[in-house]
């Protein structure tokens, strides 16, 4: 009976160690990146999209996952405007190619642009409006996202 109890104890401890190792490996395999655009500059927008594509390609190549969120505010919101975005076609393609990619548009900037223009400003379908781009970046960093500003 004593040997049976010892065997059960060793098995339980071993399973616990294995479980903890699997959890640690899973945590290490999920990366999170926030990319920030705040300039109405096609070169800067394309550099941010290059960062998105390259980060995703790298982690795929080593069998690990990555969540990427591109946040635009201020003049950078032109990146997500359906009427002025120089990169809307590229965003459309990337959104179809990369599952864990989110585009966040600053609601404060969007509202200010609409007020200034005196009309509705339509954003591209891929953009999700968040209340504040700056607050979104803070929140993402608090959640463990690495921060990149190209």
C-alpha atoms as a PDB file:
ATOM      1  CA  UNK A   1       0.000   0.000   0.000  1.00  0.00           C
ATOM      2  CA  UNK A   2       2.853   2.343   0.853  1.00  0.00           C
ATOM      3  CA  UNK A   3       4.443   1.727  -2.579  1.00  0.00           C
ATOM      4  CA  UNK A   4       1.139   2.465  -4.283  1.00  0.00           C
ATOM      5  CA  UNK A   5       0.770   5.765  -2.435  1.00  0.00           C
ATOM      6  CA  UNK A   6       4.359   6.705  -3.330  1.00  0.00           C
ATOM      7  CA  UNK A   7       3.724   5.851  -6.986  1.00  0.00           C
ATOM      8  CA  UNK A   8       0.551   7.949  -7.025  1.00  0.00           C
ATOM      9  CA  UNK A   9       2.356  10.886  -5.387  1.00  0.00           C
ATOM     10  CA  UNK A  10       5.256  10.724  -7.866  1.00  0.00           C
ATOM     11  CA  UNK A  11       2.801  10.541 -10.761  1.00  0.00           C
ATOM     12  CA  UNK A  12       0.792  13.540  -9.527  1.00  0.00           C
ATOM     13  CA  UNK A  13       3.925  15.639  -8.943  1.00  0.00           C
ATOM     14  CA  UNK A  14       5.272  14.660 -12.364  1.00  0.00           C
ATOM     15  CA  UNK A  15       2.007  15.584 -14.071  1.00  0.00           C
ATOM     16  CA  UNK A  16       1.993  18.936 -12.273  1.00  0.00           C
ATOM     17  CA  UNK A  17       5.521  19.686 -13.456  1.00  0.00           C
ATOM     18  CA  UNK A  18       4.614  18.693 -17.009  1.00  0.00           C
ATOM     19  CA  UNK A  19       1.475  20.853 -16.891  1.00  0.00           C
ATOM     20  CA  UNK A  20       3.463  23.884 -15.642  1.00  0.00           C
ATOM     21  CA  UNK A  21       6.073  23.354 -18.355  1.00  0.00           C
ATOM     22  CA  UNK A  22       3.392  23.230 -21.050  1.00  0.00           C
ATOM     23  CA  UNK A  23       1.781  26.411 -19.745  1.00  0.00           C
ATOM     24  CA  UNK A  24       5.145  28.213 -19.665  1.00  0.00           C
ATOM     25  CA  UNK A  25       5.936  27.053 -23.203  1.00  0.00           C
ATOM     26  CA  UNK A  26       2.532  28.215 -24.402  1.00  0.00           C
ATOM     27  CA  UNK A  27       2.979  31.638 -22.775  1.00  0.00           C
ATOM     28  CA  UNK A  28       6.418  32.022 -24.345  1.00  0.00           C
ATOM     29  CA  UNK A  29       5.066  31.142 -27.780  1.00  0.00           C
ATOM     30  CA  UNK A  30       2.476  33.960 -27.844  1.00  0.00           C
ATOM     31  CA  UNK A  31       3.954  37.346 -28.624  1.00  0.00           C
ATOM     32  CA  UNK A  32       2.087  40.652 -28.657  1.00  0.00           C
ATOM     33  CA  UNK A  33       3.090  43.789 -30.543  1.00  0.00           C
ATOM     34  CA  UNK A  34       1.498  47.246 -30.721  1.00  0.00           C
ATOM     35  CA  UNK A  35       2.549  49.383 -33.682  1.00  0.00           C
ATOM     36  CA  UNK A  36       1.876  53.129 -33.573  1.00  0.00           C
ATOM     37  CA  UNK A  37       1.255  55.522 -36.492  1.00  0.00           C
ATOM     38  CA  UNK A  38       0.645  59.220 -35.841  1.00  0.00           C
ATOM     39  CA  UNK A  39       1.881  60.817 -39.062  1.00  0.00           C
ATOM     40  CA  UNK A  40       0.132  61.383 -42.396  1.00  0.00           C
ATOM     41  CA  UNK A  41       3.164  60.086 -44.254  1.00  0.00           C
ATOM     42  CA  UNK A  42       2.784  57.247 -46.782  1.00  0.00           C
ATOM     43  CA  UNK A  43       6.394  56.159 -46.199  1.00  0.00           C
ATOM     44  CA  UNK A  44       5.801  55.885 -42.428  1.00  0.00           C
ATOM     45  CA  UNK A  45       2.515  54.023 -43.015  1.00  0.00           C
ATOM     46  CA  UNK A  46       4.216  51.563 -45.358  1.00  0.00           C
ATOM     47  CA  UNK A  47       7.048  51.090 -42.885  1.00  0.00           C
ATOM     48  CA  UNK A  48       4.478  50.220 -40.198  1.00  0.00           C
ATOM     49  CA  UNK A  49       2.836  47.722 -42.556  1.00  0.00           C
ATOM     50  CA  UNK A  50       6.266  46.281 -43.396  1.00  0.00           C
ATOM     51  CA  UNK A  51       6.797  45.841 -39.645  1.00  0.00           C
ATOM     52  CA  UNK A  52       3.460  44.006 -39.419  1.00  0.00           C
ATOM     53  CA  UNK A  53       4.328  41.661 -42.281  1.00  0.00           C
ATOM     54  CA  UNK A  54       7.901  41.025 -41.109  1.00  0.00           C
ATOM     55  CA  UNK A  55       6.981  40.366 -37.480  1.00  0.00           C
ATOM     56  CA  UNK A  56       4.237  37.962 -38.533  1.00  0.00           C
ATOM     57  CA  UNK A  57       6.531  36.183 -41.021  1.00  0.00           C
ATOM     58  CA  UNK A  58       9.298  35.778 -38.436  1.00  0.00           C
ATOM     59  CA  UNK A  59       7.109  34.256 -35.741  1.00  0.00           C
ATOM     60  CA  UNK A  60       5.403  31.964 -38.267  1.00  0.00           C
ATOM     61  CA  UNK A  61       8.840  30.764 -39.396  1.00  0.00           C
ATOM     62  CA  UNK A  62       9.736  29.628 -35.879  1.00  0.00           C
ATOM     63  CA  UNK A  63       6.315  28.133 -35.164  1.00  0.00           C
ATOM     64  CA  UNK A  64       5.199  30.757 -32.676  1.00  0.00           C
ATOM     65  CA  UNK A  65       2.145  33.015 -32.598  1.00  0.00           C
ATOM     66  CA  UNK A  66       1.951  36.784 -32.520  1.00  0.00           C
ATOM     67  CA  UNK A  67      -0.895  39.208 -31.976  1.00  0.00           C
ATOM     68  CA  UNK A  68      -0.355  42.529 -33.744  1.00  0.00           C
ATOM     69  CA  UNK A  69      -2.356  45.697 -33.241  1.00  0.00           C
ATOM     70  CA  UNK A  70      -1.688  48.764 -35.344  1.00  0.00           C
ATOM     71  CA  UNK A  71      -2.994  51.922 -33.662  1.00  0.00           C
ATOM     72  CA  UNK A  72      -3.409  55.181 -35.594  1.00  0.00           C
ATOM     73  CA  UNK A  73      -4.311  58.601 -34.238  1.00  0.00           C
ATOM     74  CA  UNK A  74      -3.782  62.259 -35.055  1.00  0.00           C
ATOM     75  CA  UNK A  75      -2.648  62.795 -38.646  1.00  0.00           C
ATOM     76  CA  UNK A  76      -1.883  59.067 -38.792  1.00  0.00           C
ATOM     77  CA  UNK A  77      -5.623  58.367 -38.916  1.00  0.00           C
ATOM     78  CA  UNK A  78      -5.481  59.149 -42.654  1.00  0.00           C
ATOM     79  CA  UNK A  79      -4.099  55.621 -42.878  1.00  0.00           C
ATOM     80  CA  UNK A  80      -7.608  54.329 -42.120  1.00  0.00           C
ATOM     81  CA  UNK A  81      -9.693  56.930 -43.968  1.00  0.00           C
ATOM     82  CA  UNK A  82     -11.427  55.456 -46.990  1.00  0.00           C
ATOM     83  CA  UNK A  83     -11.040  58.755 -48.892  1.00  0.00           C
ATOM     84  CA  UNK A  84      -7.392  59.585 -48.144  1.00  0.00           C
ATOM     85  CA  UNK A  85      -5.582  56.363 -47.225  1.00  0.00           C
ATOM     86  CA  UNK A  86      -2.600  55.707 -49.482  1.00  0.00           C
ATOM     87  CA  UNK A  87      -2.354  52.161 -48.064  1.00  0.00           C
ATOM     88  CA  UNK A  88      -5.963  50.954 -47.888  1.00  0.00           C
ATOM     89  CA  UNK A  89      -5.443  48.222 -50.499  1.00  0.00           C
ATOM     90  CA  UNK A  90      -2.397  46.913 -48.662  1.00  0.00           C
ATOM     91  CA  UNK A  91      -4.301  46.923 -45.359  1.00  0.00           C
ATOM     92  CA  UNK A  92      -7.081  44.936 -47.006  1.00  0.00           C
ATOM     93  CA  UNK A  93      -4.639  42.278 -48.209  1.00  0.00           C
ATOM     94  CA  UNK A  94      -2.792  42.039 -44.875  1.00  0.00           C
ATOM     95  CA  UNK A  95      -6.046  41.727 -42.943  1.00  0.00           C
ATOM     96  CA  UNK A  96      -6.924  38.689 -45.047  1.00  0.00           C
ATOM     97  CA  UNK A  97      -3.458  37.136 -44.744  1.00  0.00           C
ATOM     98  CA  UNK A  98      -2.869  37.650 -40.995  1.00  0.00           C
ATOM     99  CA  UNK A  99      -5.458  36.296 -38.567  1.00  0.00           C
ATOM    100  CA  UNK A 100      -4.162  37.943 -35.398  1.00  0.00           C
ATOM    101  CA  UNK A 101      -3.984  41.479 -36.802  1.00  0.00           C
ATOM    102  CA  UNK A 102      -6.127  44.353 -35.541  1.00  0.00           C
ATOM    103  CA  UNK A 103      -6.324  47.920 -36.822  1.00  0.00           C
ATOM    104  CA  UNK A 104      -7.420  50.450 -34.185  1.00  0.00           C
ATOM    105  CA  UNK A 105      -8.528  53.970 -35.111  1.00  0.00           C
ATOM    106  CA  UNK A 106      -8.635  56.741 -32.517  1.00  0.00           C
ATOM    107  CA  UNK A 107     -12.211  57.833 -31.874  1.00  0.00           C
ATOM    108  CA  UNK A 108     -11.086  61.230 -30.554  1.00  0.00           C
ATOM    109  CA  UNK A 109      -9.219  61.967 -33.777  1.00  0.00           C
ATOM    110  CA  UNK A 110     -12.046  60.620 -35.915  1.00  0.00           C
ATOM    111  CA  UNK A 111     -14.585  62.858 -34.168  1.00  0.00           C
ATOM    112  CA  UNK A 112     -12.309  65.909 -34.464  1.00  0.00           C
ATOM    113  CA  UNK A 113     -11.744  65.288 -38.189  1.00  0.00           C
ATOM    114  CA  UNK A 114     -15.490  64.956 -38.784  1.00  0.00           C
ATOM    115  CA  UNK A 115     -16.217  68.137 -36.849  1.00  0.00           C
ATOM    116  CA  UNK A 116     -13.561  70.062 -38.770  1.00  0.00           C
ATOM    117  CA  UNK A 117     -14.782  68.702 -42.135  1.00  0.00           C
ATOM    118  CA  UNK A 118     -18.446  69.257 -41.263  1.00  0.00           C
ATOM    119  CA  UNK A 119     -19.326  65.816 -42.603  1.00  0.00           C
ATOM    120  CA  UNK A 120     -19.014  62.120 -41.851  1.00  0.00           C
ATOM    121  CA  UNK A 121     -15.610  60.658 -42.542  1.00  0.00           C
ATOM    122  CA  UNK A 122     -15.802  57.002 -43.482  1.00  0.00           C
ATOM    123  CA  UNK A 123     -13.077  54.700 -42.272  1.00  0.00           C
ATOM    124  CA  UNK A 124     -11.985  51.521 -44.036  1.00  0.00           C
ATOM    125  CA  UNK A 125     -13.833  48.359 -43.018  1.00  0.00           C
ATOM    126  CA  UNK A 126     -10.756  46.870 -41.353  1.00  0.00           C
ATOM    127  CA  UNK A 127     -10.473  49.714 -38.814  1.00  0.00           C
ATOM    128  CA  UNK A 128     -12.031  49.317 -35.383  1.00  0.00           C
ATOM    129  CA  UNK A 129     -12.732  52.601 -33.607  1.00  0.00           C
ATOM    130  CA  UNK A 130     -11.409  52.793 -30.049  1.00  0.00           C
ATOM    131  CA  UNK A 131     -12.220  55.723 -27.746  1.00  0.00           C
ATOM    132  CA  UNK A 132      -8.625  56.997 -27.664  1.00  0.00           C
ATOM    133  CA  UNK A 133      -5.554  55.883 -29.591  1.00  0.00           C
ATOM    134  CA  UNK A 134      -3.198  56.958 -26.822  1.00  0.00           C
ATOM    135  CA  UNK A 135      -5.219  55.136 -24.170  1.00  0.00           C
ATOM    136  CA  UNK A 136      -5.331  52.065 -26.430  1.00  0.00           C
ATOM    137  CA  UNK A 137      -1.530  52.045 -26.629  1.00  0.00           C
ATOM    138  CA  UNK A 138      -1.277  52.404 -22.841  1.00  0.00           C
ATOM    139  CA  UNK A 139      -3.757  49.565 -22.331  1.00  0.00           C
ATOM    140  CA  UNK A 140      -1.931  47.289 -24.759  1.00  0.00           C
ATOM    141  CA  UNK A 141       1.410  47.935 -23.061  1.00  0.00           C
ATOM    142  CA  UNK A 142      -0.149  47.200 -19.680  1.00  0.00           C
ATOM    143  CA  UNK A 143      -1.311  43.880 -21.182  1.00  0.00           C
ATOM    144  CA  UNK A 144       2.262  42.979 -22.129  1.00  0.00           C
ATOM    145  CA  UNK A 145       2.383  44.214 -25.729  1.00  0.00           C
ATOM    146  CA  UNK A 146       5.756  45.331 -27.012  1.00  0.00           C
ATOM    147  CA  UNK A 147       5.594  48.874 -28.420  1.00  0.00           C
ATOM    148  CA  UNK A 148       6.939  49.791 -31.859  1.00  0.00           C
ATOM    149  CA  UNK A 149       6.876  53.210 -33.487  1.00  0.00           C
ATOM    150  CA  UNK A 150       8.359  53.042 -36.972  1.00  0.00           C
END
